[in-house]
Amino acid sequence: MERFQKFILLPLILTASLPGLAFCYSIINGPTNATVLAGSEARFNCTVSEGWVILIWLSNGSPVLTVSSSQGPFETSDRFTSQNYTSSSGFTSELIIHNTQLSDSGKIECSVQGADSKFAFLSVQVNGSLSIKNSTLTVKENETIEIFCEALGWAPAPDITWMTNDSFIDKSKYVTQQSQGSNGLYDALSILTLTLTDTEILTCLADIEALPNPQNASVTCIFVNSTLEKSQLRRIQMVI
């Protein structure tokens, strides 16, 4: 509460020291939407025309950083800092959110006294774990197998697909179940059902928007046909 009051009082105190001020400026460019992985940085820019006095950054309605044209930024948290740029087009304040957390997701707003505010949305996502229980599996001829791929601790729930060698497997071949825990993170279990005719590498891929590339886990399925099994059996009998 004390921190919030400081943010509210600061613009009022600074404005009070500028009698006769006429508001004749505007926000030229507001922040744009961003999607980042938890633990990384998120950056938002807000450009205002000349004549501005107080600029306030808000996260989900709560002020997190104030910038004064005469005194610069007032930073009260190591997680919310700023960089400032001045050009012929105006003044740009860049809000930097460090070590982003799920709770940071939501509305990021640039507010300038005497001008309309501009806002964008931040989506913080979590890259969880992905695993297939077995790294290799022996498959017999005409045998139907089930491969289980487990994704734990994701946000949002990952999009799961399967590949065999270098080709995507039809979605009708697998089913994926999702659940959300009390911590807001998602778990998913994808079950692939196949009947193989050759040795293949099966890969499970999990993807969310913030990942540059999907996370993956693979299993090598070694195919053994009945002819090979009979040949191996005869060799064993001959040795005996």
Protein backbone atom coordinates (compact mmCIF):
# COMPACT_ATOMS: atom_id res chain seq x y z
CA MET A 1 0.00 0.00 0.00
CA GLU A 2 2.82 2.40 0.87
CA ARG A 3 4.54 1.71 -2.44
CA PHE A 4 1.30 2.35 -4.35
CA GLN A 5 0.77 5.66 -2.54
CA LYS A 6 4.30 6.78 -3.46
CA PHE A 7 3.55 6.15 -7.14
CA ILE A 8 0.27 8.08 -6.94
CA LEU A 9 1.67 11.03 -4.97
CA LEU A 10 4.79 11.43 -7.09
CA PRO A 11 3.02 12.65 -10.28
CA LEU A 12 0.84 15.00 -8.21
CA ILE A 13 3.85 16.54 -6.45
CA LEU A 14 5.75 16.99 -9.70
CA THR A 15 2.74 18.48 -11.48
CA ALA A 16 2.07 20.86 -8.62
CA SER A 17 5.52 22.34 -9.15
CA LEU A 18 4.59 23.31 -12.72
CA PRO A 19 1.86 25.99 -12.47
CA GLY A 20 0.12 27.10 -15.62
CA LEU A 21 1.08 23.94 -17.49
CA ALA A 22 -0.91 23.39 -20.70
CA PHE A 23 -1.21 19.82 -21.94
CA CYS A 24 -0.41 19.83 -25.69
CA TYR A 25 1.31 16.51 -26.27
CA SER A 26 0.30 12.96 -27.09
CA ILE A 27 1.46 9.37 -27.18
CA ILE A 28 2.85 8.81 -30.68
CA ASN A 29 3.43 5.06 -30.39
CA GLY A 30 2.27 2.86 -27.53
CA PRO A 31 3.60 -0.54 -26.41
CA THR A 32 2.98 -3.68 -28.46
CA ASN A 33 2.02 -7.18 -27.31
CA ALA A 34 4.82 -9.49 -26.19
CA THR A 35 5.13 -13.20 -25.45
CA VAL A 36 8.18 -14.36 -23.47
CA LEU A 37 9.41 -17.36 -21.51
CA ALA A 38 9.33 -17.14 -17.71
CA GLY A 39 12.66 -15.94 -16.33
CA SER A 40 13.53 -13.88 -19.39
CA GLU A 41 13.12 -10.14 -20.05
CA ALA A 42 10.07 -8.40 -21.50
CA ARG A 43 10.45 -4.96 -23.12
CA PHE A 44 7.84 -2.35 -23.99
CA ASN A 45 8.30 1.02 -25.69
CA CYS A 46 6.20 4.16 -25.40
CA THR A 47 7.00 7.25 -27.52
CA VAL A 48 5.54 10.65 -26.60
CA SER A 49 5.74 14.05 -28.29
CA GLU A 50 7.57 17.05 -26.84
CA GLY A 51 6.07 18.80 -23.84
CA TRP A 52 5.31 15.74 -21.74
CA VAL A 53 5.97 15.93 -17.99
CA ILE A 54 5.06 12.66 -16.29
CA LEU A 55 4.95 9.16 -17.78
CA ILE A 56 3.75 6.22 -15.71
CA TRP A 57 4.06 2.51 -16.53
CA LEU A 58 1.41 0.23 -15.04
CA SER A 59 1.25 -3.57 -14.86
CA ASN A 60 -2.26 -4.97 -14.47
CA GLY A 61 -3.44 -1.60 -13.18
CA SER A 62 -0.66 -1.11 -10.61
CA PRO A 63 2.05 1.53 -11.22
CA VAL A 64 5.52 -0.04 -11.44
CA LEU A 65 7.68 2.81 -12.76
CA THR A 66 7.41 6.59 -13.15
CA VAL A 67 9.45 8.80 -15.49
CA SER A 68 9.80 12.56 -15.07
CA SER A 69 10.89 14.76 -17.97
CA SER A 70 13.07 16.78 -15.59
CA GLN A 71 14.36 14.12 -13.19
CA GLY A 72 14.30 10.90 -15.20
CA PRO A 73 13.00 7.50 -14.05
CA PHE A 74 12.00 6.66 -10.49
CA GLU A 75 12.65 2.92 -10.05
CA THR A 76 11.48 1.23 -6.85
CA SER A 77 12.03 -2.41 -7.90
CA ASP A 78 14.98 -4.21 -9.48
CA ARG A 79 12.52 -6.12 -11.65
CA PHE A 80 11.12 -3.00 -13.34
CA THR A 81 13.74 -0.73 -14.90
CA SER A 82 13.83 1.57 -17.92
CA GLN A 83 15.95 2.97 -20.69
CA ASN A 84 15.19 6.29 -22.33
CA TYR A 85 15.78 7.50 -25.90
CA THR A 86 15.31 10.95 -27.42
CA SER A 87 15.01 11.54 -31.16
CA SER A 88 13.46 13.99 -33.59
CA SER A 89 10.20 12.04 -33.40
CA GLY A 90 9.89 12.38 -29.63
CA PHE A 91 10.87 10.80 -26.33
CA THR A 92 10.78 7.01 -25.94
CA SER A 93 10.60 5.24 -22.60
CA GLU A 94 11.42 1.53 -22.66
CA LEU A 95 10.08 -0.50 -19.75
CA ILE A 96 12.17 -3.59 -18.98
CA ILE A 97 10.63 -6.34 -16.87
CA HIS A 98 13.36 -8.63 -15.55
CA ASN A 99 12.93 -12.27 -14.50
CA THR A 100 9.36 -12.39 -15.78
CA GLN A 101 6.84 -14.47 -13.85
CA LEU A 102 3.45 -15.94 -14.67
CA SER A 103 1.84 -13.28 -12.49
CA ASP A 104 3.27 -10.58 -14.80
CA SER A 105 0.95 -11.73 -17.60
CA GLY A 106 -1.73 -9.21 -18.42
CA LYS A 107 -2.12 -5.55 -19.32
CA ILE A 108 0.94 -3.29 -19.63
CA GLU A 109 -0.05 0.36 -19.85
CA CYS A 110 1.80 3.58 -20.71
CA SER A 111 0.04 6.57 -19.17
CA VAL A 112 1.00 10.19 -19.79
CA GLN A 113 -0.61 12.95 -17.80
CA GLY A 114 -3.02 14.93 -19.97
CA ALA A 115 -3.02 12.38 -22.81
CA ASP A 116 -4.81 9.14 -23.56
CA SER A 117 -3.03 6.04 -22.28
CA LYS A 118 -1.90 3.21 -24.56
CA PHE A 119 -1.64 -0.43 -23.57
CA ALA A 120 -0.52 -3.87 -24.71
CA PHE A 121 -0.63 -7.37 -23.29
CA LEU A 122 2.18 -9.50 -21.89
CA SER A 123 1.99 -13.27 -22.02
CA VAL A 124 4.52 -15.09 -19.84
CA GLN A 125 4.86 -18.77 -20.73
CA VAL A 126 6.59 -21.68 -19.01
CA ASN A 127 8.69 -24.30 -20.81
CA GLY A 128 8.18 -27.51 -18.85
CA SER A 129 9.67 -31.00 -19.22
CA LEU A 130 9.00 -33.61 -21.90
CA SER A 131 9.84 -37.31 -21.78
CA ILE A 132 9.17 -40.75 -23.24
CA LYS A 133 9.73 -43.56 -20.76
CA ASN A 134 11.78 -45.85 -23.04
CA SER A 135 14.60 -44.76 -25.34
CA THR A 136 14.40 -48.04 -27.33
CA LEU A 137 11.61 -50.54 -27.86
CA THR A 138 11.48 -53.92 -29.63
CA VAL A 139 8.37 -54.37 -31.79
CA LYS A 140 7.18 -57.63 -33.32
CA GLU A 141 5.38 -58.11 -36.62
CA ASN A 142 1.63 -57.26 -36.48
CA GLU A 143 2.06 -55.97 -32.94
CA THR A 144 0.15 -52.80 -32.01
CA ILE A 145 2.15 -50.60 -29.65
CA GLU A 146 1.36 -47.62 -27.48
CA ILE A 147 4.00 -44.91 -26.85
CA PHE A 148 3.43 -42.54 -23.93
CA CYS A 149 4.81 -39.00 -24.04
CA GLU A 150 4.51 -36.92 -20.86
CA ALA A 151 4.75 -33.12 -20.63
CA LEU A 152 4.92 -31.65 -17.10
CA GLY A 153 4.78 -28.08 -15.79
CA TRP A 154 3.86 -26.04 -18.87
CA ALA A 155 1.96 -22.78 -19.35
CA PRO A 156 -0.06 -22.67 -21.43
CA ALA A 157 -0.74 -26.33 -22.21
CA PRO A 158 1.65 -27.33 -25.01
CA ASP A 159 0.58 -28.31 -28.50
CA ILE A 160 1.79 -31.90 -28.91
CA THR A 161 2.48 -33.57 -32.25
CA TRP A 162 4.29 -36.75 -33.32
CA MET A 163 6.77 -37.53 -36.09
CA THR A 164 8.11 -40.75 -37.54
CA ASN A 165 11.56 -40.28 -39.01
CA ASP A 166 11.04 -36.93 -40.83
CA SER A 167 7.27 -37.02 -41.38
CA PHE A 168 4.39 -35.90 -39.18
CA ILE A 169 2.03 -38.62 -37.99
CA ASP A 170 -1.70 -38.22 -38.63
CA LYS A 171 -3.53 -36.83 -35.58
CA SER A 172 -5.95 -39.75 -35.67
CA LYS A 173 -3.10 -41.99 -34.47
CA TYR A 174 -2.73 -40.32 -31.07
CA VAL A 175 -4.79 -38.80 -28.28
CA THR A 176 -3.64 -36.12 -25.83
CA GLN A 177 -5.06 -35.45 -22.38
CA GLN A 178 -4.42 -32.20 -20.48
CA SER A 179 -4.89 -31.12 -16.88
CA GLN A 180 -4.13 -27.97 -14.90
CA GLY A 181 -2.60 -28.04 -11.42
CA SER A 182 -3.21 -25.70 -8.51
CA ASN A 183 0.00 -23.82 -9.43
CA GLY A 184 -1.52 -22.78 -12.76
CA LEU A 185 0.80 -25.05 -14.77
CA TYR A 186 -0.42 -27.68 -17.21
CA ASP A 187 0.45 -31.36 -17.59
CA ALA A 188 -0.25 -33.35 -20.74
CA LEU A 189 -0.10 -37.03 -21.65
CA SER A 190 -0.08 -38.00 -25.33
CA ILE A 191 -0.58 -41.65 -26.33
CA LEU A 192 0.47 -42.76 -29.80
CA THR A 193 -0.94 -46.06 -31.15
CA LEU A 194 0.79 -47.68 -34.14
CA THR A 195 1.45 -50.97 -35.93
CA LEU A 196 4.93 -50.82 -37.44
CA THR A 197 6.37 -52.59 -40.47
CA ASP A 198 9.96 -51.42 -40.09
CA THR A 199 12.39 -49.98 -37.57
CA GLU A 200 11.47 -46.33 -36.95
CA ILE A 201 12.36 -43.39 -34.74
CA LEU A 202 9.25 -41.88 -33.16
CA THR A 203 9.47 -38.30 -31.89
CA CYS A 204 7.08 -36.43 -29.62
CA LEU A 205 7.15 -32.63 -29.96
CA ALA A 206 5.73 -30.05 -27.53
CA ASP A 207 5.36 -26.43 -28.57
CA ILE A 208 4.24 -23.08 -27.14
CA GLU A 209 4.43 -19.66 -28.79
CA ALA A 210 7.42 -18.40 -26.79
CA LEU A 211 9.66 -21.33 -27.76
CA PRO A 212 11.88 -20.70 -30.81
CA ASN A 213 11.75 -24.45 -31.55
CA PRO A 214 9.54 -27.23 -30.14
CA GLN A 215 10.94 -29.35 -27.34
CA ASN A 216 11.22 -33.01 -28.36
CA ALA A 217 11.72 -36.54 -27.01
CA SER A 218 12.35 -39.66 -29.13
CA VAL A 219 12.18 -43.44 -28.95
CA THR A 220 13.75 -45.93 -31.37
CA CYS A 221 11.39 -48.80 -32.22
CA ILE A 222 13.34 -51.84 -33.45
CA PHE A 223 11.17 -53.97 -35.72
CA VAL A 224 11.64 -57.75 -35.64
CA ASN A 225 9.65 -59.76 -38.23
CA SER A 226 8.61 -63.40 -37.88
CA THR A 227 11.04 -64.65 -40.55
CA LEU A 228 13.97 -63.22 -38.65
CA GLU A 229 12.70 -64.72 -35.41
CA LYS A 230 12.47 -68.22 -36.97
CA SER A 231 15.97 -67.89 -38.41
CA GLN A 232 17.33 -66.92 -34.99
CA LEU A 233 15.50 -69.85 -33.40
CA ARG A 234 16.97 -72.37 -35.89
CA ARG A 235 20.50 -71.10 -35.20
CA ILE A 236 19.95 -71.53 -31.48
CA GLN A 237 18.65 -75.09 -31.98
CA MET A 238 21.67 -75.99 -34.12
CA VAL A 239 24.05 -74.78 -31.42
CA ILE A 240 22.24 -76.88 -28.83
